[in-house]
N, C-alpha and C. Protein backbone atom coordinates (compact mmCIF):
# COMPACT_ATOMS: atom_id res chain seq x y z
N MET A 1 36.46 6.53 235.76
CA MET A 1 35.36 5.88 236.65
C MET A 1 33.82 6.35 236.63
N LEU A 2 33.70 7.91 236.64
CA LEU A 2 32.55 8.29 237.12
C LEU A 2 31.66 8.86 235.53
N GLY A 3 32.09 8.27 234.62
CA GLY A 3 31.63 8.02 233.68
C GLY A 3 31.64 9.83 233.12
N ARG A 4 32.36 10.49 233.28
CA ARG A 4 32.54 12.06 233.33
C ARG A 4 34.26 12.82 233.57
N SER A 5 34.36 13.21 232.44
CA SER A 5 36.04 13.90 232.71
C SER A 5 35.80 14.92 233.28
N TYR A 6 36.97 15.10 234.35
CA TYR A 6 37.27 16.78 234.91
C TYR A 6 38.10 17.31 234.71
N ASP A 7 38.96 17.22 232.98
CA ASP A 7 39.92 17.53 232.78
C ASP A 7 39.95 18.96 232.61
N GLN A 8 38.89 19.71 232.82
CA GLN A 8 38.75 21.16 233.18
C GLN A 8 38.28 21.71 234.77
N GLN A 9 39.05 20.35 235.30
CA GLN A 9 39.23 20.94 236.52
C GLN A 9 40.49 20.95 236.82
N VAL A 10 40.76 21.80 237.49
CA VAL A 10 42.59 21.50 238.57
C VAL A 10 42.21 21.77 239.94
N CYS A 11 41.73 20.38 240.18
CA CYS A 11 41.68 19.87 241.35
C CYS A 11 42.03 18.69 242.06
N SER A 12 42.49 18.33 242.94
CA SER A 12 43.12 17.25 243.66
C SER A 12 42.16 16.31 244.11
N ILE A 13 40.86 17.27 244.78
CA ILE A 13 39.32 16.59 244.70
C ILE A 13 38.95 15.60 243.50
N ALA A 14 38.57 16.41 242.64
CA ALA A 14 38.12 15.95 241.24
C ALA A 14 39.04 14.46 241.16
N ARG A 15 40.34 14.66 240.94
CA ARG A 15 41.33 14.31 240.35
C ARG A 15 41.17 12.42 241.12
N ALA A 16 41.21 12.77 242.73
CA ALA A 16 41.33 12.07 243.24
C ALA A 16 39.11 10.92 243.37
N LEU A 17 38.30 11.57 242.48
CA LEU A 17 37.08 11.44 242.49
C LEU A 17 37.54 10.22 241.09
N GLU A 18 37.89 10.68 240.35
CA GLU A 18 38.30 9.57 238.70
C GLU A 18 38.53 8.60 239.31
N VAL A 19 38.98 8.30 240.41
CA VAL A 19 40.09 7.43 241.15
C VAL A 19 39.18 6.56 242.24
N VAL A 20 38.55 6.97 243.06
CA VAL A 20 37.93 6.34 244.14
C VAL A 20 36.25 6.43 244.30
N GLY A 21 35.93 7.55 243.18
CA GLY A 21 33.97 8.08 243.08
C GLY A 21 33.52 6.98 242.94
N GLU A 22 33.56 6.08 242.17
CA GLU A 22 32.23 5.16 241.89
C GLU A 22 32.26 4.31 242.97
N ARG A 23 30.62 4.22 243.48
CA ARG A 23 30.02 4.05 244.86
C ARG A 23 30.57 2.70 245.39
N TRP A 24 31.10 1.88 244.94
CA TRP A 24 31.76 0.65 246.02
C TRP A 24 33.32 1.03 245.98
N THR A 25 33.70 1.73 245.77
CA THR A 25 35.66 1.70 245.43
C THR A 25 35.86 1.85 247.09
N LEU A 26 34.86 2.57 247.90
CA LEU A 26 35.66 2.94 249.00
C LEU A 26 35.10 2.06 249.78
N LEU A 27 34.00 1.30 249.84
CA LEU A 27 33.51 0.59 250.78
C LEU A 27 34.34 -0.63 250.40
N ILE A 28 35.01 -1.00 249.00
CA ILE A 28 35.90 -2.22 248.87
C ILE A 28 37.52 -1.92 249.65
N VAL A 29 37.62 -0.41 249.83
CA VAL A 29 39.24 0.37 250.42
C VAL A 29 38.82 -0.08 252.17
N ARG A 30 37.71 0.18 252.60
CA ARG A 30 37.05 0.62 254.34
C ARG A 30 37.15 -1.18 254.58
N ASP A 31 36.93 -2.14 253.57
CA ASP A 31 36.95 -3.35 253.60
C ASP A 31 38.41 -4.26 253.95
N ALA A 32 38.89 -3.39 252.95
CA ALA A 32 40.33 -4.14 252.98
C ALA A 32 41.27 -3.39 253.78
N LEU A 33 40.89 -2.06 254.12
CA LEU A 33 41.55 -1.56 255.13
C LEU A 33 41.20 -1.88 257.20
N PHE A 34 39.94 -1.49 257.50
CA PHE A 34 39.61 -1.90 258.55
C PHE A 34 39.48 -3.55 258.98
N ALA A 35 38.65 -4.42 257.59
CA ALA A 35 38.16 -5.50 258.13
C ALA A 35 39.40 -6.56 257.56
N HIS A 36 40.26 -5.90 256.66
CA HIS A 36 41.63 -7.10 256.60
C HIS A 36 41.21 -7.59 255.50
N VAL A 37 40.26 -7.39 254.61
CA VAL A 37 39.47 -8.45 253.44
C VAL A 37 40.58 -8.41 253.02
N THR A 38 40.68 -9.63 251.75
CA THR A 38 41.81 -9.80 250.46
C THR A 38 41.28 -10.63 250.00
N ARG A 39 40.13 -11.21 249.89
CA ARG A 39 40.04 -12.20 248.49
C ARG A 39 38.58 -11.82 248.13
N PHE A 40 38.87 -11.81 246.84
CA PHE A 40 37.57 -11.78 246.03
C PHE A 40 35.89 -11.78 246.89
N ASN A 41 36.37 -13.36 246.91
CA ASN A 41 34.92 -13.99 247.41
C ASN A 41 34.33 -13.78 248.95
N ASP A 42 35.69 -13.11 250.05
CA ASP A 42 35.30 -12.34 251.33
C ASP A 42 34.52 -11.17 250.89
N PHE A 43 35.05 -10.25 249.57
CA PHE A 43 34.81 -9.17 249.22
C PHE A 43 33.43 -8.78 248.81
N GLN A 44 33.38 -9.98 248.18
CA GLN A 44 31.72 -10.17 247.60
C GLN A 44 30.75 -10.69 248.64
N HIS A 45 30.97 -11.57 249.72
CA HIS A 45 30.29 -11.62 250.62
C HIS A 45 29.32 -10.80 251.61
N ASN A 46 30.60 -9.99 252.16
CA ASN A 46 30.70 -8.85 252.54
C ASN A 46 29.95 -7.80 251.80
N LEU A 47 29.99 -7.59 250.89
CA LEU A 47 29.58 -6.28 250.06
C LEU A 47 28.13 -6.65 249.41
N GLY A 48 27.95 -7.89 249.05
CA GLY A 48 26.63 -8.45 248.32
C GLY A 48 26.42 -7.73 246.91
N LEU A 49 27.78 -7.63 246.29
CA LEU A 49 27.61 -6.82 245.26
C LEU A 49 28.03 -7.93 243.99
N ALA A 50 27.24 -7.59 242.66
CA ALA A 50 27.77 -8.96 241.70
C ALA A 50 29.01 -8.79 241.46
N THR A 51 29.41 -9.98 240.66
CA THR A 51 30.41 -10.64 240.85
C THR A 51 31.49 -9.68 239.92
N ASN A 52 30.55 -9.44 238.46
CA ASN A 52 31.09 -8.83 237.63
C ASN A 52 31.35 -7.19 237.78
N VAL A 53 30.20 -6.42 238.85
CA VAL A 53 31.14 -5.42 239.38
C VAL A 53 32.37 -5.06 240.42
N LEU A 54 32.31 -6.55 240.80
CA LEU A 54 33.17 -6.44 241.87
C LEU A 54 34.72 -6.91 241.01
N LYS A 55 35.03 -7.63 239.64
CA LYS A 55 35.98 -7.57 238.93
C LYS A 55 36.23 -6.42 238.95
N THR A 56 35.09 -5.71 237.85
CA THR A 56 35.66 -4.92 237.39
C THR A 56 36.33 -3.21 238.66
N ARG A 57 35.64 -3.13 239.90
CA ARG A 57 36.04 -2.47 241.07
C ARG A 57 37.39 -2.43 240.89
N LEU A 58 38.17 -3.90 241.18
CA LEU A 58 38.56 -4.87 241.71
C LEU A 58 40.36 -4.58 240.90
N ASP A 59 40.11 -4.56 239.51
CA ASP A 59 40.65 -4.33 238.36
C ASP A 59 40.93 -2.55 238.30
N SER A 60 39.81 -1.97 238.23
CA SER A 60 40.47 -0.25 238.28
C SER A 60 40.72 -0.05 239.58
N LEU A 61 41.10 -0.60 240.49
CA LEU A 61 41.57 -0.68 242.05
C LEU A 61 43.19 -0.88 241.55
N VAL A 62 43.78 -2.12 240.65
CA VAL A 62 44.83 -2.62 240.56
C VAL A 62 45.45 -1.33 239.50
N ALA A 63 44.77 -1.46 238.44
CA ALA A 63 45.08 -0.03 237.48
C ALA A 63 45.82 0.53 237.83
N ALA A 64 44.85 1.66 239.40
CA ALA A 64 45.10 2.79 239.69
C ALA A 64 46.35 2.79 240.88
N GLY A 65 46.60 1.71 240.83
CA GLY A 65 47.53 1.65 242.12
C GLY A 65 47.32 1.67 243.50
N LEU A 66 46.01 1.45 243.66
CA LEU A 66 45.91 1.01 244.80
C LEU A 66 45.89 0.09 245.89
N MET A 67 45.78 -1.07 244.65
CA MET A 67 45.66 -2.12 245.37
C MET A 67 46.83 -3.70 244.04
N GLU A 68 47.23 -4.36 245.06
CA GLU A 68 48.26 -5.36 243.95
C GLU A 68 47.47 -6.87 244.12
N ARG A 69 47.23 -7.09 243.06
CA ARG A 69 46.76 -8.47 242.73
C ARG A 69 48.24 -9.39 243.31
N HIS A 70 47.62 -10.83 244.54
CA HIS A 70 48.61 -11.74 244.72
C HIS A 70 47.94 -13.10 244.38
N PRO A 71 48.61 -13.92 244.06
CA PRO A 71 48.24 -15.42 243.80
C PRO A 71 48.18 -15.42 245.74
N SER A 72 46.63 -16.31 245.88
CA SER A 72 46.37 -16.96 247.40
C SER A 72 47.02 -17.80 247.91
N GLY A 73 47.84 -18.94 246.53
CA GLY A 73 48.23 -19.75 247.40
C GLY A 73 46.93 -21.11 247.69
N SER A 74 46.07 -20.84 247.12
CA SER A 74 44.46 -22.03 247.34
C SER A 74 44.48 -22.06 245.82
N LYS A 75 42.72 -22.47 245.76
CA LYS A 75 42.30 -22.79 244.35
C LYS A 75 41.28 -21.48 244.22
N GLU A 76 41.12 -20.56 244.98
CA GLU A 76 40.41 -18.98 245.51
C GLU A 76 41.40 -18.36 244.48
N ARG A 77 40.04 -17.17 243.89
CA ARG A 77 40.82 -16.44 242.88
C ARG A 77 41.91 -15.61 244.04
N SER A 78 42.88 -14.61 243.08
CA SER A 78 43.82 -13.60 243.86
C SER A 78 43.26 -13.37 244.83
N GLU A 79 44.69 -13.14 245.85
CA GLU A 79 43.88 -12.11 246.86
C GLU A 79 44.37 -10.69 246.47
N TYR A 80 43.99 -9.75 246.78
CA TYR A 80 44.13 -8.06 246.45
C TYR A 80 44.46 -7.12 247.83
N TRP A 81 45.60 -6.57 247.70
CA TRP A 81 46.51 -6.08 248.94
C TRP A 81 46.45 -4.93 248.59
N LEU A 82 46.35 -3.98 249.60
CA LEU A 82 46.77 -2.64 249.65
C LEU A 82 47.87 -2.15 249.02
N THR A 83 48.12 -0.81 248.52
CA THR A 83 49.25 -0.85 248.51
C THR A 83 49.36 0.86 249.58
N GLU A 84 50.74 0.96 249.30
CA GLU A 84 50.41 2.53 250.55
C GLU A 84 49.40 3.21 249.86
N LYS A 85 49.39 3.65 248.80
CA LYS A 85 48.12 4.71 248.20
C LYS A 85 46.94 4.61 248.35
N GLY A 86 46.72 3.10 248.87
CA GLY A 86 45.81 2.74 248.96
C GLY A 86 45.61 2.79 250.22
N ARG A 87 46.40 2.44 251.36
CA ARG A 87 46.42 2.79 252.63
C ARG A 87 46.21 4.25 253.52
N ASP A 88 46.86 5.05 251.93
CA ASP A 88 46.87 6.24 252.62
C ASP A 88 45.24 6.93 252.91
N LEU A 89 44.33 6.06 251.96
CA LEU A 89 42.97 6.72 251.94
C LEU A 89 42.19 6.65 253.41
N ALA A 90 43.23 6.35 254.59
CA ALA A 90 42.78 5.75 255.80
C ALA A 90 41.91 6.98 256.51
N PRO A 91 42.86 7.82 257.07
CA PRO A 91 42.54 9.20 257.20
C PRO A 91 41.37 9.71 256.04
N ALA A 92 40.64 9.29 254.90
CA ALA A 92 39.93 9.90 254.61
C ALA A 92 38.39 8.88 254.91
N LEU A 93 38.86 8.34 254.64
CA LEU A 93 37.83 7.05 255.17
C LEU A 93 36.98 7.43 256.45
N ILE A 94 38.02 8.06 257.80
CA ILE A 94 37.89 8.03 259.33
C ILE A 94 37.19 9.30 259.37
N ALA A 95 37.64 10.38 258.26
CA ALA A 95 37.21 11.47 258.04
C ALA A 95 35.30 11.72 257.51
N LEU A 96 34.90 10.90 256.76
CA LEU A 96 34.11 10.77 255.53
C LEU A 96 32.88 9.37 257.00
N THR A 97 33.89 8.64 258.10
CA THR A 97 32.71 8.46 258.42
C THR A 97 32.27 9.17 259.27
N ALA A 98 32.79 9.76 260.33
CA ALA A 98 32.65 11.16 261.49
C ALA A 98 31.56 11.86 260.33
N TRP A 99 31.63 11.99 259.20
CA TRP A 99 30.27 12.41 258.18
C TRP A 99 29.17 12.21 258.54
N GLY A 100 29.45 10.82 257.74
CA GLY A 100 28.32 9.93 258.33
C GLY A 100 27.44 9.56 259.79
N ASP A 101 28.37 9.79 260.44
CA ASP A 101 28.07 9.46 261.88
C ASP A 101 27.24 10.22 262.27
N ARG A 102 27.33 11.67 261.54
CA ARG A 102 26.74 12.62 262.41
C ARG A 102 25.37 12.89 261.61
N TRP A 103 25.37 13.00 260.12
CA TRP A 103 24.12 13.60 259.19
C TRP A 103 23.41 12.29 258.99
N ALA A 104 24.14 10.71 259.01
CA ALA A 104 23.30 9.71 257.99
C ALA A 104 23.23 8.59 259.30
N SER A 105 23.73 8.79 260.10
CA SER A 105 23.36 7.37 261.48
C SER A 105 22.06 7.61 262.79
N PRO A 106 21.25 8.00 262.53
CA PRO A 106 19.91 8.50 263.29
C PRO A 106 20.41 7.59 264.68
N ASP A 107 20.90 6.05 264.08
CA ASP A 107 21.20 5.50 265.87
C ASP A 107 21.78 5.56 266.41
N GLY A 108 23.04 6.26 265.71
CA GLY A 108 24.45 6.57 266.48
C GLY A 108 25.29 5.59 265.64
N PRO A 109 26.71 5.65 266.11
CA PRO A 109 27.77 5.50 264.86
C PRO A 109 27.93 3.39 264.65
N PRO A 110 27.89 3.02 263.43
CA PRO A 110 27.51 1.85 263.41
C PRO A 110 28.92 0.84 263.82
N ILE A 111 30.15 1.67 263.48
CA ILE A 111 31.60 1.26 264.42
C ILE A 111 32.18 2.30 265.10
N LEU A 112 33.32 2.09 265.46
CA LEU A 112 33.97 2.97 266.47
C LEU A 112 35.60 2.36 266.18
N TYR A 113 36.05 4.00 265.58
CA TYR A 113 37.70 3.76 265.43
C TYR A 113 37.98 3.52 266.77
N ARG A 114 38.79 3.12 267.00
CA ARG A 114 39.55 2.93 267.85
C ARG A 114 41.47 2.43 268.12
N HIS A 115 41.91 3.58 269.19
CA HIS A 115 43.20 3.16 268.81
C HIS A 115 43.49 1.90 269.54
N THR A 116 44.58 0.83 268.36
CA THR A 116 44.73 -0.62 269.14
C THR A 116 45.82 -0.76 270.39
N ASN A 117 46.18 0.18 270.48
CA ASN A 117 47.37 0.23 271.63
C ASN A 117 46.98 0.83 273.08
N CYS A 118 46.29 1.63 272.95
CA CYS A 118 45.28 1.84 274.05
C CYS A 118 43.72 2.05 274.74
N GLY A 119 42.98 1.55 273.16
CA GLY A 119 41.55 2.11 273.19
C GLY A 119 41.14 3.24 272.86
N GLY A 120 41.58 4.49 273.10
CA GLY A 120 41.11 5.40 272.58
C GLY A 120 40.84 5.99 271.37
N SER A 121 40.47 6.95 271.16
CA SER A 121 38.89 6.89 270.37
C SER A 121 39.85 7.74 268.58
N VAL A 122 39.96 7.01 267.77
CA VAL A 122 40.34 7.86 266.63
C VAL A 122 39.77 8.51 266.10
N VAL A 123 40.26 9.87 265.75
CA VAL A 123 39.21 10.88 265.20
C VAL A 123 40.51 11.74 264.00
N GLN A 124 39.83 12.26 262.83
CA GLN A 124 40.48 12.72 262.22
C GLN A 124 40.34 14.19 262.29
N ALA A 125 41.49 15.35 262.24
CA ALA A 125 40.86 16.91 262.57
C ALA A 125 41.73 17.14 261.52
N LEU A 126 41.17 19.13 261.33
CA LEU A 126 42.36 19.67 260.84
C LEU A 126 43.08 20.06 261.49
N TRP A 127 44.37 20.19 260.76
CA TRP A 127 45.65 20.58 261.99
C TRP A 127 46.58 21.58 260.86
N CYS A 128 46.84 22.55 261.61
CA CYS A 128 48.01 23.23 261.42
C CYS A 128 49.05 23.02 261.91
N ALA A 129 49.91 22.69 260.56
CA ALA A 129 52.00 22.35 261.12
C ALA A 129 52.17 23.26 262.22
N THR A 130 52.25 24.34 262.26
CA THR A 130 52.32 25.02 263.31
C THR A 130 51.84 25.52 264.75
N CYS A 131 50.40 25.75 264.56
CA CYS A 131 49.16 25.55 265.50
C CYS A 131 48.69 24.75 266.57
N GLY A 132 48.78 23.65 265.44
CA GLY A 132 47.84 22.30 265.80
C GLY A 132 46.44 22.56 265.45
N GLU A 133 45.59 21.82 265.96
CA GLU A 133 44.39 21.49 265.92
C GLU A 133 43.35 23.50 265.49
N ILE A 134 42.87 23.51 264.27
CA ILE A 134 42.24 24.57 264.22
C ILE A 134 40.79 24.21 263.66
N PRO A 135 39.71 25.01 263.82
CA PRO A 135 38.44 25.56 263.14
C PRO A 135 38.26 25.61 261.60
N ILE A 136 37.37 24.92 261.04
CA ILE A 136 37.38 24.84 259.59
C ILE A 136 37.38 26.33 258.72
N ALA A 137 37.18 27.56 260.12
CA ALA A 137 36.81 28.83 259.74
C ALA A 137 38.15 29.34 258.92
N GLU A 138 38.96 28.82 260.14
CA GLU A 138 40.31 29.27 259.82
C GLU A 138 41.07 28.78 258.81
N VAL A 139 40.89 27.75 258.05
CA VAL A 139 41.77 27.42 256.67
C VAL A 139 40.52 28.22 255.92
N GLY A 140 42.01 29.30 254.78
CA GLY A 140 42.16 29.53 253.74
C GLY A 140 42.62 28.35 252.28
N VAL A 141 42.48 28.83 251.37
CA VAL A 141 43.40 28.21 250.31
C VAL A 141 43.29 29.44 249.44
N ARG A 142 45.00 28.86 248.65
CA ARG A 142 45.89 29.84 247.95
C ARG A 142 46.10 29.18 246.78
N PRO A 143 46.71 29.62 245.84
CA PRO A 143 47.11 28.19 244.88
C PRO A 143 48.55 27.91 245.21
N GLY A 144 49.03 26.72 244.53
CA GLY A 144 49.82 25.94 244.73
C GLY A 144 50.65 25.77 243.68
N PRO A 145 52.05 24.82 243.70
CA PRO A 145 52.71 24.67 242.57
C PRO A 145 51.58 23.75 241.58
N GLY A 146 50.88 23.37 241.68
CA GLY A 146 50.50 22.67 240.51
C GLY A 146 49.55 22.94 239.97
N MET A 147 48.93 24.64 240.40
CA MET A 147 47.97 25.61 239.34
C MET A 147 48.46 26.27 237.93
N PRO A 148 48.02 25.95 237.53
CA PRO A 148 48.91 26.76 235.80
C PRO A 148 48.07 27.93 235.87
N ALA A 149 49.13 29.17 235.55
CA ALA A 149 48.85 30.35 235.88
C ALA A 149 47.63 30.67 234.90
N GLU A 150 47.36 29.68 233.87
CA GLU A 150 46.47 30.38 232.35
C GLU A 150 44.82 29.72 233.37
N TYR A 151 45.51 28.66 234.08
CA TYR A 151 43.77 28.73 234.73
C TYR A 151 43.50 29.63 235.17
N LEU A 152 43.98 29.54 236.35
CA LEU A 152 44.06 30.97 237.45
C LEU A 152 43.53 32.68 236.68
N ALA A 153 44.11 32.89 235.98
CA ALA A 153 44.11 33.70 235.26
C ALA A 153 42.59 33.60 234.41
N ALA A 154 41.72 32.54 234.21
CA ALA A 154 40.48 32.29 233.14
C ALA A 154 39.26 32.17 234.32
N ARG A 155 39.61 32.10 235.76
CA ARG A 155 38.93 32.23 236.89
C ARG A 155 38.04 33.24 237.02
N ARG A 156 36.56 33.29 237.47
CA ARG A 156 36.28 34.78 237.80
C ARG A 156 36.87 34.93 238.91
N PRO A 157 36.91 36.36 239.48
CA PRO A 157 36.99 36.26 240.88
C PRO A 157 36.19 36.27 241.90
N ARG A 158 36.95 36.23 243.08
CA ARG A 158 36.41 35.71 244.44
C ARG A 158 35.04 36.63 244.44
N ARG A 159 34.17 36.44 244.91
CA ARG A 159 33.14 37.34 246.14
C ARG A 159 33.00 37.30 247.60
N ALA A 160 32.78 37.75 248.11
CA ALA A 160 32.68 37.75 249.39
C ALA A 160 31.46 37.01 249.92
N PRO A 161 31.92 35.98 250.86
CA PRO A 161 31.19 35.09 251.56
C PRO A 161 29.88 36.08 251.76
N GLU A 162 28.69 35.23 251.37
CA GLU A 162 26.75 36.35 251.45
C GLU A 162 26.94 35.07 252.47
N HIS A 163 26.99 34.29 253.11
CA HIS A 163 26.40 33.94 254.39
C HIS A 163 26.97 32.40 254.93
N GLY A 164 27.04 31.96 256.24
CA GLY A 164 26.91 30.73 256.88
C GLY A 164 28.00 30.92 257.87
N PRO A 165 28.12 30.44 258.61
CA PRO A 165 28.73 30.39 259.63
C PRO A 165 30.68 30.15 259.64
N ILE A 166 30.62 28.83 258.13
CA ILE A 166 31.87 28.38 257.95
C ILE A 166 32.45 29.28 256.63
N SER A 167 31.94 30.85 256.02
CA SER A 167 32.34 31.37 255.14
C SER A 167 32.97 31.88 255.82
N ARG A 168 32.83 32.48 256.99
CA ARG A 168 34.07 33.91 257.63
C ARG A 168 34.96 33.52 257.98
N GLY A 169 35.81 34.18 257.68
CA GLY A 169 37.35 34.00 257.92
C GLY A 169 37.81 33.31 256.36
N VAL A 170 37.16 32.14 255.72
CA VAL A 170 37.91 32.01 254.45
C VAL A 170 37.94 32.65 253.52
N THR A 171 39.42 33.03 253.44
CA THR A 171 39.28 33.46 252.20
C THR A 171 40.79 33.10 250.76
N ALA A 172 40.29 33.69 249.58
CA ALA A 172 41.12 32.99 248.64
C ALA A 172 42.62 33.33 248.74
N ALA A 173 43.03 33.99 249.65
CA ALA A 173 44.57 34.12 249.58
C ALA A 173 44.83 34.12 250.99
N GLY A 174 44.09 32.78 251.51
CA GLY A 174 44.51 32.08 252.90
C GLY A 174 44.33 32.57 254.17
N GLY A 175 43.81 33.53 254.72
CA GLY A 175 43.35 33.79 255.59
C GLY A 175 42.51 34.87 256.21
């Protein structure tokens, strides 16, 4: 999808970008998740993209298992419904929105996520299963079960962080 393969990357972010990294894909998923858009013509109207581009993106979302194509029951084109795999992008979209609100929205957030039951703000946070919410400086990484030993052995050694507050406290060993 990105026009480049990430075969050499053993990284879930790179693998996710292969599926959702094209510029319109997350906007289609956003509209399906939060505006409940399902019809081709509504996606096209809301996003303003060319119909051939939209068709290609929707086809790729269906092929990747993020959406399912369903008959619309009318003469319009099919409807596109998010699958569980597609709905699982909601936390990532909320986190990306928070970043955009902070760094790319000089007039303030254009939309606000609210809990439908109580009206409270919805936020995405870093969460430790033991301690609860934690700062990024306390997030470490270590190899998981999907990390091939030969890939890890070929990596250059990790150097100590040189600058930046985010670097302090983050180690390859997880803390």
